[in-house]
Protein backbone atom coordinates (compact mmCIF):
# COMPACT_ATOMS: atom_id res chain seq x y z
CA MET A 1 112.46 99.91 81.13
CA ASP A 2 110.74 100.36 84.50
CA LYS A 3 111.09 97.39 86.87
CA ILE A 4 108.92 96.07 89.70
CA ARG A 5 110.02 93.73 92.46
CA LEU A 6 107.96 91.73 94.96
CA GLU A 7 109.31 91.09 98.47
CA LEU A 8 107.72 89.28 101.41
CA ASN A 9 108.09 91.21 104.69
CA TYR A 10 106.49 89.03 107.37
CA LEU A 11 104.13 86.18 108.15
CA ASP A 12 102.05 86.05 111.34
CA ILE A 13 100.22 82.74 111.85
CA GLU A 14 97.31 83.15 114.23
CA ARG A 15 96.85 79.48 115.11
CA ASN A 16 97.94 77.64 118.25
CA LYS A 17 100.64 75.21 117.22
CA LYS A 18 104.15 74.65 118.54
CA SER A 19 105.90 74.58 115.20
CA TRP A 20 105.22 75.03 111.50
CA LYS A 21 107.05 74.07 108.29
CA ILE A 22 105.99 76.78 105.85
CA TYR A 23 106.46 77.34 102.15
CA PHE A 24 104.75 79.65 99.66
CA VAL A 25 103.28 79.10 96.20
CA LEU A 26 103.04 82.19 93.98
CA ALA A 27 101.13 82.47 90.70
CA THR A 28 101.47 85.54 88.47
CA GLU A 29 101.02 86.51 84.83
CA MET A 30 103.82 85.84 82.38
CA PRO A 31 105.41 89.17 81.40
CA ASP A 32 105.56 88.35 77.70
CA ASN A 33 102.23 86.48 77.51
CA PRO A 34 99.39 87.65 79.79
CA GLY A 35 97.43 84.57 78.63
CA GLN A 36 99.74 82.33 80.66
CA MET A 37 100.53 82.09 84.36
CA ALA A 38 103.91 81.41 85.94
CA ILE A 39 104.00 79.48 89.23
CA THR A 40 106.84 79.05 91.74
CA ALA A 41 107.38 77.61 95.21
CA ILE A 42 109.52 79.37 97.84
CA PRO A 43 111.93 78.37 99.32
CA ASP A 44 113.52 75.50 97.47
CA GLY A 45 114.54 72.63 99.74
CA GLU A 46 113.81 72.80 103.44
CA PRO A 47 110.60 74.65 104.38
CA ILE A 48 110.81 77.69 106.67
CA ARG A 49 110.64 76.40 110.25
CA VAL A 50 108.67 78.52 112.68
CA ARG A 51 109.06 77.26 116.27
CA ARG A 52 107.50 78.22 119.61
CA PRO A 53 110.01 80.97 120.56
CA ALA A 54 109.04 82.85 117.38
CA ASP A 55 105.42 83.03 118.61
CA ASN A 56 104.24 81.99 115.11
CA TYR A 57 105.73 85.17 113.62
CA ILE A 58 108.56 85.44 111.14
CA SER A 59 110.07 88.61 109.74
CA PHE A 60 111.81 88.37 106.38
CA VAL A 61 113.32 91.88 106.66
CA PRO A 62 116.67 92.02 108.47
CA GLU A 63 117.27 94.90 110.85
CA GLY A 64 119.10 97.93 109.47
CA ASP A 65 118.58 100.81 107.08
CA GLY A 66 117.83 99.90 103.49
CA ALA A 67 117.17 96.23 104.27
CA ASP A 68 114.91 94.35 101.88
CA GLY A 69 112.40 91.58 102.46
CA LEU A 70 112.50 88.07 100.99
CA PHE A 71 112.97 88.47 97.22
CA VAL A 72 110.21 86.74 95.26
CA LEU A 73 110.25 88.13 91.72
CA GLU A 74 111.42 90.98 89.52
CA ARG A 75 110.02 91.86 86.12
CA ASP A 76 109.44 94.69 83.68
CA MET A 77 106.48 96.96 84.39
CA PRO A 78 103.40 95.70 82.48
CA GLU A 79 102.12 97.96 79.70
CA ASP A 80 98.85 98.54 81.58
CA PHE A 81 100.69 99.19 84.89
CA SER A 82 98.77 96.32 86.54
CA ILE A 83 99.92 92.96 87.81
CA LYS A 84 97.98 89.94 89.00
CA ALA A 85 99.50 87.73 91.68
CA ARG A 86 98.17 85.18 94.20
CA LEU A 87 100.18 83.76 97.10
CA TRP A 88 99.27 80.57 98.98
CA VAL A 89 100.79 79.77 102.38
CA MET A 90 101.32 76.03 102.83
CA HIS A 91 102.21 73.90 105.88
CA SER A 92 104.50 71.06 104.78
CA ARG A 93 104.05 67.65 106.29
CA LYS A 94 107.59 66.74 105.15
CA SER A 95 110.93 67.94 106.52
CA VAL A 96 112.29 68.62 103.05
CA ARG A 97 110.02 69.96 100.32
CA SER A 98 111.77 70.97 97.11
CA ALA A 99 110.21 73.53 94.84
CA GLY A 100 110.54 71.04 91.97
CA ASP A 101 108.47 68.46 93.85
CA VAL A 102 105.75 71.01 94.67
CA LEU A 103 105.62 72.31 91.10
CA GLY A 104 105.57 68.76 89.73
CA GLU A 105 102.60 67.85 91.95
CA ILE A 106 100.69 71.01 90.97
CA SER A 107 101.35 70.35 87.30
CA GLY A 108 100.31 66.70 87.68
CA PHE A 109 97.01 67.63 89.33
CA LEU A 110 96.32 70.13 86.55
CA GLY A 111 96.97 67.52 83.87
CA GLY A 112 99.81 69.31 82.12
CA ASP A 113 103.53 69.05 81.82
CA GLN A 114 105.78 71.35 83.80
CA GLY A 115 106.27 73.86 81.03
CA GLY A 116 109.51 75.74 80.62
CA GLN A 117 111.64 77.43 83.20
CA VAL A 118 111.22 81.18 83.08
CA LEU A 119 114.09 82.24 85.33
CA GLN A 120 115.36 85.02 83.10
CA LEU A 121 111.91 86.62 82.87
CA LEU A 122 111.10 86.84 86.56
CA GLY A 123 114.51 87.33 88.16
CA GLY A 124 116.16 85.32 90.87
CA THR A 125 116.88 81.63 90.87
CA ASN A 126 113.43 80.23 91.67
CA GLN A 127 112.11 77.43 89.49
CA TRP A 128 108.94 78.44 87.64
CA ILE A 129 106.39 76.51 85.57
CA THR A 130 103.90 77.97 83.13
CA LEU A 131 100.18 77.26 82.79
CA GLY A 132 97.35 78.65 80.69
CA ILE A 133 95.35 81.52 82.19
CA LYS A 134 92.77 79.04 83.50
CA GLY A 135 95.55 77.80 85.79
CA ILE A 136 95.33 80.55 88.41
CA GLY A 137 91.76 79.65 89.27
CA ILE A 138 92.57 76.01 89.79
CA VAL A 139 95.98 76.27 91.45
CA GLY A 140 94.21 76.43 94.82
CA SER A 141 92.27 73.27 93.95
CA ALA A 142 95.49 71.48 93.06
CA LEU A 143 97.07 72.59 96.35
CA LYS A 144 94.13 71.15 98.29
CA LYS A 145 94.77 67.75 96.67
CA MET A 146 98.37 67.70 97.91
CA LYS A 147 99.23 66.07 101.22
CA ASP A 148 100.39 69.42 102.62
CA ARG A 149 97.95 71.73 104.39
CA PRO A 150 96.91 75.03 102.74
CA LEU A 151 96.75 77.77 105.39
CA GLY A 152 95.10 80.27 103.04
CA TRP A 153 95.93 82.65 100.21
CA VAL A 154 96.14 86.39 99.57
CA ASN A 155 95.45 88.48 96.50
CA MET A 156 98.51 90.62 95.71
CA ASP A 157 97.10 92.32 92.60
CA GLU A 158 98.42 95.85 92.18
CA HIS A 159 97.83 98.79 89.84
CA PHE A 160 100.85 101.09 89.71
CA ASN A 161 100.90 104.84 89.07
CA PRO A 162 101.49 105.34 85.33
CA ASP A 163 102.80 108.85 86.00
CA GLY A 164 105.48 107.63 88.40
CA GLU A 165 108.65 109.63 88.22
CA GLU A 166 110.47 108.50 91.34
CA ASP A 167 111.06 105.06 92.78
CA GLN A 168 108.55 103.93 95.36
CA GLU A 169 107.88 101.10 97.76
CA LEU A 170 104.25 100.09 98.24
CA GLU A 171 103.80 98.37 101.62
CA ARG A 172 100.81 95.99 101.71
CA LYS A 173 99.33 93.47 104.14
CA ASN A 174 96.26 91.26 104.26
CA GLN A 175 94.66 88.44 106.22
CA LEU A 176 94.93 84.97 104.74
CA SER A 177 91.68 83.86 103.14
CA THR A 178 91.11 81.38 105.99
CA GLY A 179 91.72 83.96 108.72
CA PHE A 180 94.63 81.80 109.98
CA GLY A 181 97.09 84.69 109.82
CA GLU A 182 98.38 87.80 108.12
CA ILE A 183 101.12 88.40 105.59
CA GLY A 184 102.92 91.62 104.67
CA TRP A 185 104.67 92.33 101.36
CA SER A 186 106.15 95.16 99.32
CA TRP A 187 105.99 96.07 95.65
CA VAL A 188 109.16 98.04 94.87
CA VAL A 189 109.02 100.15 91.71
CA ASP A 190 112.23 101.32 90.01
CA TYR A 191 111.36 103.93 87.38
CA ASP A 192 113.94 104.57 84.64
């Protein structure tokens, strides 16, 4: 089965501030049920600290040949070769912000329970919750109700080449919806 992987490459925050405590919230379709969304928060525990010497820029790709970005998810290629994904960049007002706390707050604002963990479906060790398809449209609303500050979101939807015969890496970047910065990511496709 063909696999796709999502990696974050960099974040450039274009706002004057001495330091940031950043985490990400990702929503994507469930591989086995396109009628449901899976949501995760990255990283778990302490937010990513971006201080003045970094000039509000962080690279998630280490130097060296063959280095990968920050692993976010891995899943089987969808039957229609398309994937829907939204990523929100959040500024934490707390020093420690566990993924479980973030997901619990989102779920609470949306009036549901946390759903099941879907670790085996999306790779990695991130905690995930599931929501009905209506969830992706209101995840942003739930994030605005939290005490943390949303810095914006990006649409990471992708349609892959159904005739792919060799592995490929699709480099993408986009401005945050607020214009507060830019984020770069990669979709890595491993064809069997």
